Protein backbone atom coordinates (compact mmCIF):
# COMPACT_ATOMS: atom_id res chain seq x y z
CA UNK A 1 0.11 0.00 0.14
CA UNK A 2 0.87 3.54 -0.31
CA UNK A 3 2.53 5.05 2.67
CA UNK A 4 0.73 7.98 4.11
CA UNK A 5 2.31 10.64 6.58
CA UNK A 6 -0.35 11.62 9.04
CA UNK A 7 -1.25 15.39 8.85
CA UNK A 8 -2.20 17.11 12.11
CA UNK A 9 -4.44 20.21 11.60
CA UNK A 10 -3.06 23.49 13.32
CA UNK A 11 -4.85 24.97 16.13
CA UNK A 12 -7.66 23.25 18.17
CA UNK A 13 -9.56 21.80 15.42
CA UNK A 14 -10.86 18.41 16.17
CA UNK A 15 -10.61 15.72 13.54
CA UNK A 16 -13.87 13.75 13.40
CA UNK A 17 -15.04 10.95 11.07
CA UNK A 18 -17.31 13.84 9.43
CA UNK A 19 -14.54 16.11 8.45
CA UNK A 20 -11.23 13.75 8.56
CA UNK A 21 -11.54 13.10 4.63
CA UNK A 22 -10.98 16.66 4.06
CA UNK A 23 -7.60 16.90 5.74
CA UNK A 24 -6.46 13.78 3.73
CA UNK A 25 -4.12 14.93 0.92
CA UNK A 26 -3.37 11.55 -0.78
CA UNK A 27 -6.93 10.08 -0.93
CA UNK A 28 -5.06 6.84 -0.40
CA UNK A 29 -8.22 4.79 0.12
CA UNK A 30 -8.98 5.44 -3.62
CA UNK A 31 -5.50 4.36 -4.70
CA UNK A 32 -5.77 0.52 -4.16
CA UNK A 33 -8.31 -2.29 -3.86
CA UNK A 34 -8.23 -5.02 -1.72
CA UNK A 35 -10.22 -8.26 -2.69
CA UNK A 36 -10.88 -11.12 -0.34
CA UNK A 37 -9.78 -14.62 -1.71
CA UNK A 38 -10.48 -18.01 -0.62
CA UNK A 39 -7.57 -19.27 1.52
CA UNK A 40 -4.94 -20.96 -0.46
CA UNK A 41 -4.22 -24.48 0.72
CA UNK A 42 -2.90 -26.66 -2.05
CA UNK A 43 0.39 -26.20 -4.17
CA UNK A 44 -1.93 -25.39 -7.18
CA UNK A 45 -3.73 -22.65 -5.27
CA UNK A 46 -0.43 -21.19 -4.12
CA UNK A 47 1.00 -21.24 -7.60
CA UNK A 48 -2.24 -19.52 -9.02
CA UNK A 49 -1.38 -16.88 -6.26
CA UNK A 50 2.04 -16.69 -7.38
CA UNK A 51 0.85 -16.01 -10.89
CA UNK A 52 -1.40 -13.12 -9.75
CA UNK A 53 1.57 -11.54 -7.87
CA UNK A 54 3.60 -11.71 -10.97
CA UNK A 55 1.33 -8.89 -12.16
CA UNK A 56 2.45 -5.19 -11.81
CA UNK A 57 1.15 -3.58 -8.62
CA UNK A 58 -0.28 -6.81 -7.14
CA UNK A 59 0.40 -7.92 -3.56
CA UNK A 60 -1.19 -10.37 -1.12
CA UNK A 61 -1.75 -10.45 2.57
CA UNK A 62 -3.45 -12.61 5.26
CA UNK A 63 -5.01 -10.84 8.30
CA UNK A 64 -7.52 -11.79 11.01
CA UNK A 65 -10.11 -11.55 8.20
CA UNK A 66 -8.44 -13.94 5.78
CA UNK A 67 -6.64 -13.76 2.69
CA UNK A 68 -6.69 -10.75 0.49
CA UNK A 69 -5.37 -9.65 -2.97
CA UNK A 70 -4.04 -6.07 -2.78
CA UNK A 71 -3.97 -4.12 -6.27
CA UNK A 72 -2.24 -0.66 -6.10
CA UNK A 73 -3.73 1.05 -8.69
CA UNK A 74 -5.82 4.47 -8.29
CA UNK A 75 -9.46 4.67 -9.14
CA UNK A 76 -10.07 6.00 -12.72
CA UNK A 77 -12.54 8.73 -11.15
CA UNK A 78 -9.93 10.02 -8.68
CA UNK A 79 -9.35 13.86 -9.53
CA UNK A 80 -6.54 16.08 -9.00
CA UNK A 81 -6.74 17.36 -5.61
CA UNK A 82 -8.26 14.07 -4.33
CA UNK A 83 -12.00 14.48 -5.20
CA UNK A 84 -14.10 12.07 -6.73
CA UNK A 85 -15.24 12.64 -10.20
CA UNK A 86 -18.42 10.60 -9.72
CA UNK A 87 -19.33 11.43 -6.11
CA UNK A 88 -23.06 11.56 -6.58
CA UNK A 89 -23.05 8.30 -8.44
CA UNK A 90 -20.30 6.50 -6.75
CA UNK A 91 -20.67 2.85 -6.10
CA UNK A 92 -22.03 1.60 -2.77
CA UNK A 93 -18.83 0.29 -1.56
CA UNK A 94 -17.62 3.72 -1.71
CA UNK A 95 -20.58 5.34 0.07
CA UNK A 96 -20.30 2.63 2.75
CA UNK A 97 -16.51 3.18 3.25
CA UNK A 98 -15.68 3.87 7.01
CA UNK A 99 -12.70 6.20 7.60
CA UNK A 100 -12.59 4.98 11.40
CA UNK A 101 -9.38 3.33 10.77
CA UNK A 102 -8.16 4.81 7.60
CA UNK A 103 -4.68 5.49 6.30
CA UNK A 104 -5.00 8.95 7.32
CA UNK A 105 -4.34 7.81 10.76
CA UNK A 106 -0.90 6.31 9.78
CA UNK A 107 0.79 4.20 7.18
CA UNK A 108 -0.30 0.76 6.76
CA UNK A 109 2.61 -1.98 6.66
CA UNK A 110 3.90 -5.32 7.59
CA UNK A 111 2.85 -4.96 11.15
CA UNK A 112 -0.79 -4.70 10.09
CA UNK A 113 -0.78 -8.40 8.66
CA UNK A 114 -0.14 -11.73 9.78
CA UNK A 115 1.31 -12.36 6.23
CA UNK A 116 2.47 -10.03 3.76
CA UNK A 117 3.62 -10.81 0.28
CA UNK A 118 4.96 -7.68 -1.50
CA UNK A 119 6.22 -9.87 -4.53
CA UNK A 120 5.90 -13.26 -6.07
CA UNK A 121 9.45 -13.84 -4.90
CA UNK A 122 8.23 -13.49 -1.23
CA UNK A 123 5.39 -15.79 -1.78
CA UNK A 124 7.62 -18.35 -3.60
CA UNK A 125 10.07 -18.21 -0.59
CA UNK A 126 7.08 -18.77 1.79
CA UNK A 127 5.76 -21.78 -0.33
CA UNK A 128 9.36 -23.40 -0.49
CA UNK A 129 9.11 -23.45 3.39
CA UNK A 130 5.64 -24.51 3.38
CA UNK A 131 5.90 -27.30 0.86
CA UNK A 132 8.41 -30.11 1.02
CA UNK A 133 7.99 -30.78 -2.69
CA UNK A 134 7.03 -27.34 -3.99
CA UNK A 135 9.15 -27.73 -7.21
CA UNK A 136 7.56 -31.14 -8.14
CA UNK A 137 4.68 -29.04 -9.57
CA UNK A 138 6.85 -28.44 -12.64
CA UNK A 139 7.36 -32.18 -12.92
CA UNK A 140 3.50 -32.79 -13.40
CA UNK A 141 1.98 -33.03 -16.84
CA UNK A 142 0.33 -29.97 -18.03
CA UNK A 143 -3.25 -29.96 -17.77
CA UNK A 144 -4.79 -29.05 -21.29
CA UNK A 145 -8.08 -27.20 -21.55
CA UNK A 146 -10.95 -29.48 -22.82
CA UNK A 147 -11.84 -29.13 -26.64
CA UNK A 148 -15.16 -27.63 -27.44
CA UNK A 149 -17.48 -29.59 -29.51
């Protein structure tokens, strides 16, 4: 995720959930998406996750809620200055977003996750420890797609 330096407003102005977003200068919550995925268990499932992490700006993590794919890519509607270009018609997930524990309060990092895989190499190293015969997957016959009639 993108690192954000917390900003403290000058004076005695209190930051509340209602005004917090107006102080955020990076709109960090709009610069990535996090999608929960099924917990990978098998060598094949971890191999698929390695393929996913081989794509630019894609990471994975596990926290108390499960496994997630993290895609670091800004929303196409994010305007200069951090405003939403489709605010009145924004998706429900954006409308329901809570800023109770958002990036404004501090940068996210390794300490926020039980497991964090910033690259496919990091996940590969994890899999080499987890699976005794990790490289044996290369010796299996390649599954061919069924032909359509």
